[in-house]
Amino acid sequence: MTLYTKESGTLLRAGPTAITGSVVTMFTASGGPQNMTSFTICNTTGGDLTVRFHLVPSGDSATTANAILYDFKIILNNTYIFSGAELALFDGDTIQVQGSTTGMTFQGMVEK
């Protein structure tokens, strides 16, 4: 994980990490409250794919109850950009992502 600094705090970069057909943990919060301020999901294939994005409380697993995006379509050779809102994470909370198959990448920015 790469650290960046800015006036209001420290920025952590999560990724870039490949998204697969299995649930993959992209980020785990530690050291106090953190906010995911933006993320991108890039589909590098020639076909439409879907993605599930979960903000999972500490000790829990990815379910429909903690989904932020669920079977969200990312069209071929396109990138979804999430920004303008903050997802609050506390110690042990995770960002977990699952794709319909391989061919996508995830990258996020977290402010500490």
PDB file of N, CA and C in Angstrom:
ATOM      1  N   MET A   1       0.835  -1.159   0.000  1.00  0.00           N
ATOM      2  CA  MET A   1       0.000   0.000   0.000  1.00  0.00           C
ATOM      3  C   MET A   1       0.886   1.230   0.000  1.00  0.00           C
ATOM      4  N   THR A   2       0.558   2.194  -0.825  1.00  0.00           N
ATOM      5  CA  THR A   2       1.341   3.410  -0.949  1.00  0.00           C
ATOM      6  C   THR A   2       0.726   4.498  -0.080  1.00  0.00           C
ATOM      7  N   LEU A   3       1.563   5.248   0.627  1.00  0.00           N
ATOM      8  CA  LEU A   3       1.109   6.351   1.468  1.00  0.00           C
ATOM      9  C   LEU A   3       1.338   7.674   0.766  1.00  0.00           C
ATOM     10  N   TYR A   4       0.371   8.561   0.846  1.00  0.00           N
ATOM     11  CA  TYR A   4       0.492   9.913   0.340  1.00  0.00           C
ATOM     12  C   TYR A   4       0.087  10.838   1.476  1.00  0.00           C
ATOM     13  N   THR A   5       0.594  12.042   1.499  1.00  0.00           N
ATOM     14  CA  THR A   5       0.177  12.990   2.530  1.00  0.00           C
ATOM     15  C   THR A   5      -0.540  14.164   1.885  1.00  0.00           C
ATOM     16  N   LYS A   6      -1.470  14.745   2.620  1.00  0.00           N
ATOM     17  CA  LYS A   6      -2.149  15.963   2.208  1.00  0.00           C
ATOM     18  C   LYS A   6      -2.509  16.720   3.464  1.00  0.00           C
ATOM     19  N   GLU A   7      -2.990  17.934   3.332  1.00  0.00           N
ATOM     20  CA  GLU A   7      -3.225  18.787   4.494  1.00  0.00           C
ATOM     21  C   GLU A   7      -4.113  18.149   5.546  1.00  0.00           C
ATOM     22  N   SER A   8      -5.179  17.499   5.130  1.00  0.00           N
ATOM     23  CA  SER A   8      -6.150  16.977   6.091  1.00  0.00           C
ATOM     24  C   SER A   8      -5.795  15.606   6.642  1.00  0.00           C
ATOM     25  N   GLY A   9      -4.756  14.969   6.110  1.00  0.00           N
ATOM     26  CA  GLY A   9      -4.417  13.654   6.625  1.00  0.00           C
ATOM     27  C   GLY A   9      -3.545  12.882   5.663  1.00  0.00           C
ATOM     28  N   THR A  10      -3.567  11.583   5.805  1.00  0.00           N
ATOM     29  CA  THR A  10      -2.764  10.706   4.965  1.00  0.00           C
ATOM     30  C   THR A  10      -3.675   9.948   4.015  1.00  0.00           C
ATOM     31  N   LEU A  11      -3.274   9.861   2.759  1.00  0.00           N
ATOM     32  CA  LEU A  11      -4.017   9.077   1.775  1.00  0.00           C
ATOM     33  C   LEU A  11      -3.316   7.745   1.566  1.00  0.00           C
ATOM     34  N   LEU A  12      -4.102   6.679   1.547  1.00  0.00           N
ATOM     35  CA  LEU A  12      -3.594   5.341   1.296  1.00  0.00           C
ATOM     36  C   LEU A  12      -4.153   4.881  -0.038  1.00  0.00           C
ATOM     37  N   ARG A  13      -3.323   4.291  -0.873  1.00  0.00           N
ATOM     38  CA  ARG A  13      -3.805   3.759  -2.149  1.00  0.00           C
ATOM     39  C   ARG A  13      -4.016   2.266  -1.995  1.00  0.00           C
ATOM     40  N   ALA A  14      -5.213   1.808  -2.302  1.00  0.00           N
ATOM     41  CA  ALA A  14      -5.542   0.379  -2.296  1.00  0.00           C
ATOM     42  C   ALA A  14      -5.528  -0.099  -3.735  1.00  0.00           C
ATOM     43  N   GLY A  15      -4.614  -0.992  -4.056  1.00  0.00           N
ATOM     44  CA  GLY A  15      -4.527  -1.509  -5.415  1.00  0.00           C
ATOM     45  C   GLY A  15      -3.414  -0.828  -6.186  1.00  0.00           C
ATOM     46  N   PRO A  16      -3.378  -1.034  -7.484  1.00  0.00           N
ATOM     47  CA  PRO A  16      -4.353  -1.774  -8.276  1.00  0.00           C
ATOM     48  C   PRO A  16      -4.278  -3.282  -8.021  1.00  0.00           C
ATOM     49  N   THR A  17      -5.451  -3.903  -7.994  1.00  0.00           N
ATOM     50  CA  THR A  17      -5.577  -5.326  -7.712  1.00  0.00           C
ATOM     51  C   THR A  17      -6.557  -5.948  -8.700  1.00  0.00           C
ATOM     52  N   ALA A  18      -6.237  -7.140  -9.180  1.00  0.00           N
ATOM     53  CA  ALA A  18      -7.126  -7.849 -10.101  1.00  0.00           C
ATOM     54  C   ALA A  18      -8.384  -8.316  -9.375  1.00  0.00           C
ATOM     55  N   ILE A  19      -9.516  -8.164 -10.046  1.00  0.00           N
ATOM     56  CA  ILE A  19     -10.795  -8.689  -9.563  1.00  0.00           C
ATOM     57  C   ILE A  19     -10.989 -10.049 -10.221  1.00  0.00           C
ATOM     58  N   THR A  20     -11.419 -11.019  -9.436  1.00  0.00           N
ATOM     59  CA  THR A  20     -11.628 -12.373  -9.958  1.00  0.00           C
ATOM     60  C   THR A  20     -13.080 -12.803  -9.744  1.00  0.00           C
ATOM     61  N   GLY A  21     -13.366 -14.037 -10.063  1.00  0.00           N
ATOM     62  CA  GLY A  21     -14.695 -14.592  -9.839  1.00  0.00           C
ATOM     63  C   GLY A  21     -14.949 -14.979  -8.392  1.00  0.00           C
ATOM     64  N   SER A  22     -13.947 -14.808  -7.540  1.00  0.00           N
ATOM     65  CA  SER A  22     -14.075 -15.075  -6.100  1.00  0.00           C
ATOM     66  C   SER A  22     -14.028 -13.753  -5.333  1.00  0.00           C
ATOM     67  N   VAL A  23     -14.523 -13.768  -4.106  1.00  0.00           N
ATOM     68  CA  VAL A  23     -14.455 -12.572  -3.257  1.00  0.00           C
ATOM     69  C   VAL A  23     -12.998 -12.321  -2.888  1.00  0.00           C
ATOM     70  N   VAL A  24     -12.530 -11.088  -3.126  1.00  0.00           N
ATOM     71  CA  VAL A  24     -11.161 -10.690  -2.825  1.00  0.00           C
ATOM     72  C   VAL A  24     -11.193  -9.469  -1.910  1.00  0.00           C
ATOM     73  N   THR A  25     -10.403  -9.510  -0.825  1.00  0.00           N
ATOM     74  CA  THR A  25     -10.288  -8.353   0.062  1.00  0.00           C
ATOM     75  C   THR A  25      -9.333  -7.356  -0.577  1.00  0.00           C
ATOM     76  N   MET A  26      -9.829  -6.146  -0.819  1.00  0.00           N
ATOM     77  CA  MET A  26      -9.039  -5.102  -1.463  1.00  0.00           C
ATOM     78  C   MET A  26      -8.385  -4.165  -0.459  1.00  0.00           C
ATOM     79  N   PHE A  27      -9.010  -4.021   0.734  1.00  0.00           N
ATOM     80  CA  PHE A  27      -8.481  -3.093   1.736  1.00  0.00           C
ATOM     81  C   PHE A  27      -9.009  -3.511   3.103  1.00  0.00           C
ATOM     82  N   THR A  28      -8.150  -3.414   4.121  1.00  0.00           N
ATOM     83  CA  THR A  28      -8.537  -3.648   5.511  1.00  0.00           C
ATOM     84  C   THR A  28      -8.160  -2.419   6.316  1.00  0.00           C
ATOM     85  N   ALA A  29      -9.127  -1.851   7.019  1.00  0.00           N
ATOM     86  CA  ALA A  29      -8.886  -0.652   7.834  1.00  0.00           C
ATOM     87  C   ALA A  29      -8.170  -1.021   9.119  1.00  0.00           C
ATOM     88  N   SER A  30      -7.234  -0.156   9.514  1.00  0.00           N
ATOM     89  CA  SER A  30      -6.535  -0.331  10.781  1.00  0.00           C
ATOM     90  C   SER A  30      -6.033   1.024  11.251  1.00  0.00           C
ATOM     91  N   GLY A  31      -5.855   1.156  12.555  1.00  0.00           N
ATOM     92  CA  GLY A  31      -5.304   2.396  13.090  1.00  0.00           C
ATOM     93  C   GLY A  31      -6.294   3.530  13.199  1.00  0.00           C
ATOM     94  N   GLY A  32      -7.555   3.217  13.403  1.00  0.00           N
ATOM     95  CA  GLY A  32      -8.558   4.265  13.580  1.00  0.00           C
ATOM     96  C   GLY A  32      -9.447   4.418  12.365  1.00  0.00           C
ATOM     97  N   PRO A  33     -10.449   5.289  12.469  1.00  0.00           N
ATOM     98  CA  PRO A  33     -11.401   5.482  11.374  1.00  0.00           C
ATOM     99  C   PRO A  33     -10.713   5.940  10.083  1.00  0.00           C
ATOM    100  N   GLN A  34     -11.227   5.446   8.964  1.00  0.00           N
ATOM    101  CA  GLN A  34     -10.719   5.814   7.647  1.00  0.00           C
ATOM    102  C   GLN A  34     -11.896   5.980   6.702  1.00  0.00           C
ATOM    103  N   ASN A  35     -11.732   6.761   5.649  1.00  0.00           N
ATOM    104  CA  ASN A  35     -12.782   6.976   4.660  1.00  0.00           C
ATOM    105  C   ASN A  35     -12.279   6.634   3.273  1.00  0.00           C
ATOM    106  N   MET A  36     -12.981   5.733   2.578  1.00  0.00           N
ATOM    107  CA  MET A  36     -12.668   5.507   1.172  1.00  0.00           C
ATOM    108  C   MET A  36     -13.334   6.641   0.416  1.00  0.00           C
ATOM    109  N   THR A  37     -12.519   7.482  -0.202  1.00  0.00           N
ATOM    110  CA  THR A  37     -13.027   8.682  -0.859  1.00  0.00           C
ATOM    111  C   THR A  37     -13.293   8.477  -2.345  1.00  0.00           C
ATOM    112  N   SER A  38     -12.648   7.481  -2.939  1.00  0.00           N
ATOM    113  CA  SER A  38     -12.892   7.195  -4.354  1.00  0.00           C
ATOM    114  C   SER A  38     -12.371   5.803  -4.679  1.00  0.00           C
ATOM    115  N   PHE A  39     -12.922   5.233  -5.748  1.00  0.00           N
ATOM    116  CA  PHE A  39     -12.382   3.991  -6.278  1.00  0.00           C
ATOM    117  C   PHE A  39     -12.753   3.875  -7.745  1.00  0.00           C
ATOM    118  N   THR A  40     -11.970   3.079  -8.452  1.00  0.00           N
ATOM    119  CA  THR A  40     -12.261   2.791  -9.854  1.00  0.00           C
ATOM    120  C   THR A  40     -12.298   1.284 -10.060  1.00  0.00           C
ATOM    121  N   ILE A  41     -13.148   0.860 -10.973  1.00  0.00           N
ATOM    122  CA  ILE A  41     -13.187  -0.526 -11.424  1.00  0.00           C
ATOM    123  C   ILE A  41     -13.110  -0.471 -12.942  1.00  0.00           C
ATOM    124  N   CYS A  42     -12.075  -1.092 -13.486  1.00  0.00           N
ATOM    125  CA  CYS A  42     -11.814  -1.035 -14.921  1.00  0.00           C
ATOM    126  C   CYS A  42     -12.035  -2.412 -15.549  1.00  0.00           C
ATOM    127  N   ASN A  43     -12.884  -2.449 -16.564  1.00  0.00           N
ATOM    128  CA  ASN A  43     -13.136  -3.673 -17.339  1.00  0.00           C
ATOM    129  C   ASN A  43     -12.238  -3.625 -18.565  1.00  0.00           C
ATOM    130  N   THR A  44     -11.258  -4.510 -18.621  1.00  0.00           N
ATOM    131  CA  THR A  44     -10.296  -4.520 -19.729  1.00  0.00           C
ATOM    132  C   THR A  44     -10.631  -5.565 -20.788  1.00  0.00           C
ATOM    133  N   THR A  45     -11.844  -6.100 -20.738  1.00  0.00           N
ATOM    134  CA  THR A  45     -12.227  -7.158 -21.679  1.00  0.00           C
ATOM    135  C   THR A  45     -13.097  -6.610 -22.814  1.00  0.00           C
ATOM    136  N   GLY A  46     -13.369  -7.456 -23.770  1.00  0.00           N
ATOM    137  CA  GLY A  46     -14.229  -7.112 -24.896  1.00  0.00           C
ATOM    138  C   GLY A  46     -15.687  -7.422 -24.662  1.00  0.00           C
ATOM    139  N   GLY A  47     -16.067  -7.735 -23.404  1.00  0.00           N
ATOM    140  CA  GLY A  47     -17.462  -8.034 -23.083  1.00  0.00           C
ATOM    141  C   GLY A  47     -17.880  -7.362 -21.782  1.00  0.00           C
ATOM    142  N   ASP A  48     -19.180  -7.204 -21.602  1.00  0.00           N
ATOM    143  CA  ASP A  48     -19.706  -6.632 -20.362  1.00  0.00           C
ATOM    144  C   ASP A  48     -19.489  -7.606 -19.209  1.00  0.00           C
ATOM    145  N   LEU A  49     -19.122  -7.077 -18.031  1.00  0.00           N
ATOM    146  CA  LEU A  49     -18.938  -7.878 -16.826  1.00  0.00           C
ATOM    147  C   LEU A  49     -19.713  -7.241 -15.686  1.00  0.00           C
ATOM    148  N   THR A  50     -19.948  -8.021 -14.624  1.00  0.00           N
ATOM    149  CA  THR A  50     -20.605  -7.464 -13.439  1.00  0.00           C
ATOM    150  C   THR A  50     -19.665  -7.568 -12.248  1.00  0.00           C
ATOM    151  N   VAL A  51     -19.923  -6.707 -11.267  1.00  0.00           N
ATOM    152  CA  VAL A  51     -19.084  -6.651 -10.074  1.00  0.00           C
ATOM    153  C   VAL A  51     -19.966  -6.491  -8.842  1.00  0.00           C
ATOM    154  N   ARG A  52     -19.499  -7.085  -7.746  1.00  0.00           N
ATOM    155  CA  ARG A  52     -20.115  -6.911  -6.427  1.00  0.00           C
ATOM    156  C   ARG A  52     -19.078  -6.246  -5.531  1.00  0.00           C
ATOM    157  N   PHE A  53     -19.465  -5.150  -4.895  1.00  0.00           N
ATOM    158  CA  PHE A  53     -18.570  -4.358  -4.049  1.00  0.00           C
ATOM    159  C   PHE A  53     -19.204  -4.281  -2.671  1.00  0.00           C
ATOM    160  N   HIS A  54     -18.460  -4.715  -1.651  1.00  0.00           N
ATOM    161  CA  HIS A  54     -18.998  -4.790  -0.288  1.00  0.00           C
ATOM    162  C   HIS A  54     -18.136  -4.007   0.692  1.00  0.00           C
ATOM    163  N   LEU A  55     -18.783  -3.287   1.603  1.00  0.00           N
ATOM    164  CA  LEU A  55     -18.124  -2.705   2.766  1.00  0.00           C
ATOM    165  C   LEU A  55     -18.501  -3.628   3.922  1.00  0.00           C
ATOM    166  N   VAL A  56     -17.544  -4.457   4.337  1.00  0.00           N
ATOM    167  CA  VAL A  56     -17.815  -5.552   5.267  1.00  0.00           C
ATOM    168  C   VAL A  56     -17.353  -5.193   6.675  1.00  0.00           C
ATOM    169  N   PRO A  57     -18.277  -5.184   7.651  1.00  0.00           N
ATOM    170  CA  PRO A  57     -17.879  -4.918   9.036  1.00  0.00           C
ATOM    171  C   PRO A  57     -16.899  -5.977   9.549  1.00  0.00           C
ATOM    172  N   SER A  58     -16.063  -5.577  10.471  1.00  0.00           N
ATOM    173  CA  SER A  58     -15.063  -6.463  11.058  1.00  0.00           C
ATOM    174  C   SER A  58     -15.700  -7.772  11.521  1.00  0.00           C
ATOM    175  N   GLY A  59     -15.100  -8.898  11.118  1.00  0.00           N
ATOM    176  CA  GLY A  59     -15.571 -10.210  11.535  1.00  0.00           C
ATOM    177  C   GLY A  59     -16.724 -10.759  10.716  1.00  0.00           C
ATOM    178  N   ASP A  60     -17.224  -9.995   9.753  1.00  0.00           N
ATOM    179  CA  ASP A  60     -18.356 -10.422   8.929  1.00  0.00           C
ATOM    180  C   ASP A  60     -17.837 -10.896   7.573  1.00  0.00           C
ATOM    181  N   SER A  61     -18.742 -11.305   6.705  1.00  0.00           N
ATOM    182  CA  SER A  61     -18.362 -11.709   5.355  1.00  0.00           C
ATOM    183  C   SER A  61     -19.238 -10.953   4.352  1.00  0.00           C
ATOM    184  N   ALA A  62     -18.840 -10.991   3.083  1.00  0.00           N
ATOM    185  CA  ALA A  62     -19.562 -10.287   2.028  1.00  0.00           C
ATOM    186  C   ALA A  62     -20.934 -10.927   1.810  1.00  0.00           C
ATOM    187  N   THR A  63     -21.985 -10.129   1.987  1.00  0.00           N
ATOM    188  CA  THR A  63     -23.369 -10.583   1.782  1.00  0.00           C
ATOM    189  C   THR A  63     -24.163  -9.463   1.120  1.00  0.00           C
ATOM    190  N   THR A  64     -25.397  -9.749   0.753  1.00  0.00           N
ATOM    191  CA  THR A  64     -26.248  -8.702   0.181  1.00  0.00           C
ATOM    192  C   THR A  64     -26.507  -7.589   1.192  1.00  0.00           C
ATOM    193  N   ALA A  65     -26.422  -7.894   2.482  1.00  0.00           N
ATOM    194  CA  ALA A  65     -26.690  -6.897   3.519  1.00  0.00           C
ATOM    195  C   ALA A  65     -25.629  -5.799   3.587  1.00  0.00           C
ATOM    196  N   ASN A  66     -24.398  -6.067   3.095  1.00  0.00           N
ATOM    197  CA  ASN A  66     -23.358  -5.040   3.143  1.00  0.00           C
ATOM    198  C   ASN A  66     -22.851  -4.661   1.743  1.00  0.00           C
ATOM    199  N   ALA A  67     -23.656  -4.957   0.735  1.00  0.00           N
ATOM    200  CA  ALA A  67     -23.285  -4.615  -0.645  1.00  0.00           C
ATOM    201  C   ALA A  67     -23.478  -3.125  -0.901  1.00  0.00           C
ATOM    202  N   ILE A  68     -22.505  -2.528  -1.553  1.00  0.00           N
ATOM    203  CA  ILE A  68     -22.614  -1.148  -2.033  1.00  0.00           C
ATOM    204  C   ILE A  68     -23.018  -1.173  -3.510  1.00  0.00           C
ATOM    205  N   LEU A  69     -22.403  -2.066  -4.275  1.00  0.00           N
ATOM    206  CA  LEU A  69     -22.791  -2.357  -5.659  1.00  0.00           C
ATOM    207  C   LEU A  69     -23.027  -3.861  -5.731  1.00  0.00           C
ATOM    208  N   TYR A  70     -24.101  -4.286  -6.410  1.00  0.00           N
ATOM    209  CA  TYR A  70     -24.387  -5.717  -6.492  1.00  0.00           C
ATOM    210  C   TYR A  70     -24.767  -6.062  -7.919  1.00  0.00           C
ATOM    211  N   ASP A  71     -23.981  -6.923  -8.543  1.00  0.00           N
ATOM    212  CA  ASP A  71     -24.152  -7.295  -9.951  1.00  0.00           C
ATOM    213  C   ASP A  71     -24.253  -6.047 -10.836  1.00  0.00           C
ATOM    214  N   PHE A  72     -23.396  -5.074 -10.514  1.00  0.00           N
ATOM    215  CA  PHE A  72     -23.321  -3.811 -11.246  1.00  0.00           C
ATOM    216  C   PHE A  72     -22.578  -4.035 -12.559  1.00  0.00           C
ATOM    217  N   LYS A  73     -23.184  -3.639 -13.667  1.00  0.00           N
ATOM    218  CA  LYS A  73     -22.588  -3.898 -14.981  1.00  0.00           C
ATOM    219  C   LYS A  73     -21.526  -2.846 -15.305  1.00  0.00           C
ATOM    220  N   ILE A  74     -20.331  -3.346 -15.651  1.00  0.00           N
ATOM    221  CA  ILE A  74     -19.258  -2.505 -16.185  1.00  0.00           C
ATOM    222  C   ILE A  74     -19.129  -2.902 -17.656  1.00  0.00           C
ATOM    223  N   ILE A  75     -19.471  -1.984 -18.538  1.00  0.00           N
ATOM    224  CA  ILE A  75     -19.480  -2.352 -19.959  1.00  0.00           C
ATOM    225  C   ILE A  75     -18.061  -2.548 -20.495  1.00  0.00           C
ATOM    226  N   LEU A  76     -17.965  -3.250 -21.617  1.00  0.00           N
ATOM    227  CA  LEU A  76     -16.682  -3.618 -22.200  1.00  0.00           C
ATOM    228  C   LEU A  76     -15.749  -2.423 -22.339  1.00  0.00           C
ATOM    229  N   ASN A  77     -14.473  -2.659 -22.014  1.00  0.00           N
ATOM    230  CA  ASN A  77     -13.420  -1.655 -22.162  1.00  0.00           C
ATOM    231  C   ASN A  77     -13.795  -0.306 -21.555  1.00  0.00           C
ATOM    232  N   ASN A  78     -14.343  -0.334 -20.340  1.00  0.00           N
ATOM    233  CA  ASN A  78     -14.794   0.892 -19.690  1.00  0.00           C
ATOM    234  C   ASN A  78     -14.367   0.890 -18.238  1.00  0.00           C
ATOM    235  N   THR A  79     -14.424   2.074 -17.612  1.00  0.00           N
ATOM    236  CA  THR A  79     -14.048   2.234 -16.214  1.00  0.00           C
ATOM    237  C   THR A  79     -15.177   2.918 -15.454  1.00  0.00           C
ATOM    238  N   TYR A  80     -15.544   2.356 -14.296  1.00  0.00           N
ATOM    239  CA  TYR A  80     -16.507   2.976 -13.386  1.00  0.00           C
ATOM    240  C   TYR A  80     -15.710   3.748 -12.348  1.00  0.00           C
ATOM    241  N   ILE A  81     -16.057   5.019 -12.144  1.00  0.00           N
ATOM    242  CA  ILE A  81     -15.370   5.871 -11.171  1.00  0.00           C
ATOM    243  C   ILE A  81     -16.365   6.290 -10.107  1.00  0.00           C
ATOM    244  N   PHE A  82     -16.055   5.942  -8.845  1.00  0.00           N
ATOM    245  CA  PHE A  82     -16.866   6.330  -7.695  1.00  0.00           C
ATOM    246  C   PHE A  82     -16.120   7.455  -6.978  1.00  0.00           C
ATOM    247  N   SER A  83     -16.760   8.611  -6.841  1.00  0.00           N
ATOM    248  CA  SER A  83     -16.153   9.709  -6.088  1.00  0.00           C
ATOM    249  C   SER A  83     -17.265  10.635  -5.605  1.00  0.00           C
ATOM    250  N   GLY A  84     -16.899  11.515  -4.699  1.00  0.00           N
ATOM    251  CA  GLY A  84     -17.862  12.489  -4.209  1.00  0.00           C
ATOM    252  C   GLY A  84     -18.586  12.082  -2.946  1.00  0.00           C
ATOM    253  N   ALA A  85     -18.329  10.887  -2.449  1.00  0.00           N
ATOM    254  CA  ALA A  85     -18.906  10.436  -1.188  1.00  0.00           C
ATOM    255  C   ALA A  85     -17.817   9.695  -0.429  1.00  0.00           C
ATOM    256  N   GLU A  86     -18.023   9.497   0.844  1.00  0.00           N
ATOM    257  CA  GLU A  86     -17.033   8.786   1.641  1.00  0.00           C
ATOM    258  C   GLU A  86     -17.660   7.558   2.277  1.00  0.00           C
ATOM    259  N   LEU A  87     -16.967   6.426   2.170  1.00  0.00           N
ATOM    260  CA  LEU A  87     -17.395   5.200   2.821  1.00  0.00           C
ATOM    261  C   LEU A  87     -16.584   5.057   4.102  1.00  0.00           C
ATOM    262  N   ALA A  88     -17.247   5.133   5.266  1.00  0.00           N
ATOM    263  CA  ALA A  88     -16.553   5.082   6.555  1.00  0.00           C
ATOM    264  C   ALA A  88     -16.163   3.650   6.893  1.00  0.00           C
ATOM    265  N   LEU A  89     -14.883   3.476   7.254  1.00  0.00           N
ATOM    266  CA  LEU A  89     -14.362   2.174   7.670  1.00  0.00           C
ATOM    267  C   LEU A  89     -13.745   2.309   9.049  1.00  0.00           C
ATOM    268  N   PHE A  90     -13.975   1.316   9.894  1.00  0.00           N
ATOM    269  CA  PHE A  90     -13.415   1.284  11.232  1.00  0.00           C
ATOM    270  C   PHE A  90     -12.488   0.079  11.342  1.00  0.00           C
ATOM    271  N   ASP A  91     -11.696   0.009  12.399  1.00  0.00           N
ATOM    272  CA  ASP A  91     -10.700  -1.050  12.552  1.00  0.00           C
ATOM    273  C   ASP A  91     -11.283  -2.425  12.212  1.00  0.00           C
ATOM    274  N   GLY A  92     -10.626  -3.114  11.301  1.00  0.00           N
ATOM    275  CA  GLY A  92     -11.032  -4.465  10.920  1.00  0.00           C
ATOM    276  C   GLY A  92     -12.051  -4.535   9.798  1.00  0.00           C
ATOM    277  N   ASP A  93     -12.704  -3.414   9.468  1.00  0.00           N
ATOM    278  CA  ASP A  93     -13.635  -3.402   8.338  1.00  0.00           C
ATOM    279  C   ASP A  93     -12.846  -3.621   7.049  1.00  0.00           C
ATOM    280  N   THR A  94     -13.488  -4.240   6.062  1.00  0.00           N
ATOM    281  CA  THR A  94     -12.814  -4.511   4.798  1.00  0.00           C
ATOM    282  C   THR A  94     -13.650  -4.063   3.613  1.00  0.00           C
ATOM    283  N   ILE A  95     -12.958  -3.797   2.517  1.00  0.00           N
ATOM    284  CA  ILE A  95     -13.589  -3.636   1.210  1.00  0.00           C
ATOM    285  C   ILE A  95     -13.335  -4.947   0.474  1.00  0.00           C
ATOM    286  N   GLN A  96     -14.421  -5.619   0.077  1.00  0.00           N
ATOM    287  CA  GLN A  96     -14.312  -6.891  -0.626  1.00  0.00           C
ATOM    288  C   GLN A  96     -15.043  -6.787  -1.955  1.00  0.00           C
ATOM    289  N   VAL A  97     -14.420  -7.330  -2.996  1.00  0.00           N
ATOM    290  CA  VAL A  97     -14.955  -7.209  -4.354  1.00  0.00           C
ATOM    291  C   VAL A  97     -14.951  -8.577  -5.030  1.00  0.00           C
ATOM    292  N   GLN A  98     -15.987  -8.822  -5.830  1.00  0.00           N
ATOM    293  CA  GLN A  98     -16.086 -10.058  -6.609  1.00  0.00           C
ATOM    294  C   GLN A  98     -16.602  -9.711  -7.992  1.00  0.00           C
ATOM    295  N   GLY A  99     -15.951 -10.238  -9.014  1.00  0.00           N
ATOM    296  CA  GLY A  99     -16.406 -10.036 -10.383  1.00  0.00           C
ATOM    297  C   GLY A  99     -17.130 -11.257 -10.913  1.00  0.00           C
ATOM    298  N   SER A 100     -17.799 -11.086 -12.041  1.00  0.00           N
ATOM    299  CA  SER A 100     -18.448 -12.226 -12.687  1.00  0.00           C
ATOM    300  C   SER A 100     -17.399 -13.183 -13.257  1.00  0.00           C
ATOM    301  N   THR A 101     -16.220 -12.660 -13.511  1.00  0.00           N
ATOM    302  CA  THR A 101     -15.079 -13.438 -13.993  1.00  0.00           C
ATOM    303  C   THR A 101     -13.841 -12.558 -13.868  1.00  0.00           C
ATOM    304  N   THR A 102     -12.725 -12.990 -14.413  1.00  0.00           N
ATOM    305  CA  THR A 102     -11.530 -12.150 -14.418  1.00  0.00           C
ATOM    306  C   THR A 102     -11.637 -11.103 -15.522  1.00  0.00           C
ATOM    307  N   GLY A 103     -10.747 -10.119 -15.495  1.00  0.00           N
ATOM    308  CA  GLY A 103     -10.720  -9.110 -16.551  1.00  0.00           C
ATOM    309  C   GLY A 103     -11.000  -7.706 -16.062  1.00  0.00           C
ATOM    310  N   MET A 104     -11.058  -7.512 -14.729  1.00  0.00           N
ATOM    311  CA  MET A 104     -11.265  -6.186 -14.168  1.00  0.00           C
ATOM    312  C   MET A 104     -10.187  -5.907 -13.124  1.00  0.00           C
ATOM    313  N   THR A 105      -9.923  -4.626 -12.907  1.00  0.00           N
ATOM    314  CA  THR A 105      -8.999  -4.215 -11.853  1.00  0.00           C
ATOM    315  C   THR A 105      -9.671  -3.180 -10.961  1.00  0.00           C
ATOM    316  N   PHE A 106      -9.220  -3.154  -9.707  1.00  0.00           N
ATOM    317  CA  PHE A 106      -9.746  -2.241  -8.687  1.00  0.00           C
ATOM    318  C   PHE A 106      -8.614  -1.360  -8.190  1.00  0.00           C
ATOM    319  N   GLN A 107      -8.914  -0.090  -7.945  1.00  0.00           N
ATOM    320  CA  GLN A 107      -7.986   0.798  -7.278  1.00  0.00           C
ATOM    321  C   GLN A 107      -8.801   1.811  -6.483  1.00  0.00           C
ATOM    322  N   GLY A 108      -8.374   2.070  -5.242  1.00  0.00           N
ATOM    323  CA  GLY A 108      -9.095   3.012  -4.397  1.00  0.00           C
ATOM    324  C   GLY A 108      -8.167   3.939  -3.631  1.00  0.00           C
ATOM    325  N   MET A 109      -8.741   5.030  -3.141  1.00  0.00           N
ATOM    326  CA  MET A 109      -8.018   5.971  -2.284  1.00  0.00           C
ATOM    327  C   MET A 109      -8.751   6.040  -0.949  1.00  0.00           C
ATOM    328  N   VAL A 110      -7.977   5.910   0.133  1.00  0.00           N
ATOM    329  CA  VAL A 110      -8.529   5.937   1.482  1.00  0.00           C
ATOM    330  C   VAL A 110      -7.828   7.029   2.260  1.00  0.00           C
ATOM    331  N   GLU A 111      -8.614   7.872   2.930  1.00  0.00           N
ATOM    332  CA  GLU A 111      -8.057   8.937   3.751  1.00  0.00           C
ATOM    333  C   GLU A 111      -8.074   8.509   5.203  1.00  0.00           C
ATOM    334  N   LYS A 112      -6.924   8.677   5.845  1.00  0.00           N
ATOM    335  CA  LYS A 112      -6.779   8.292   7.245  1.00  0.00           C
ATOM    336  C   LYS A 112      -6.794   9.522   8.115  1.00  0.00           C
TER     337      LYS A 112
END
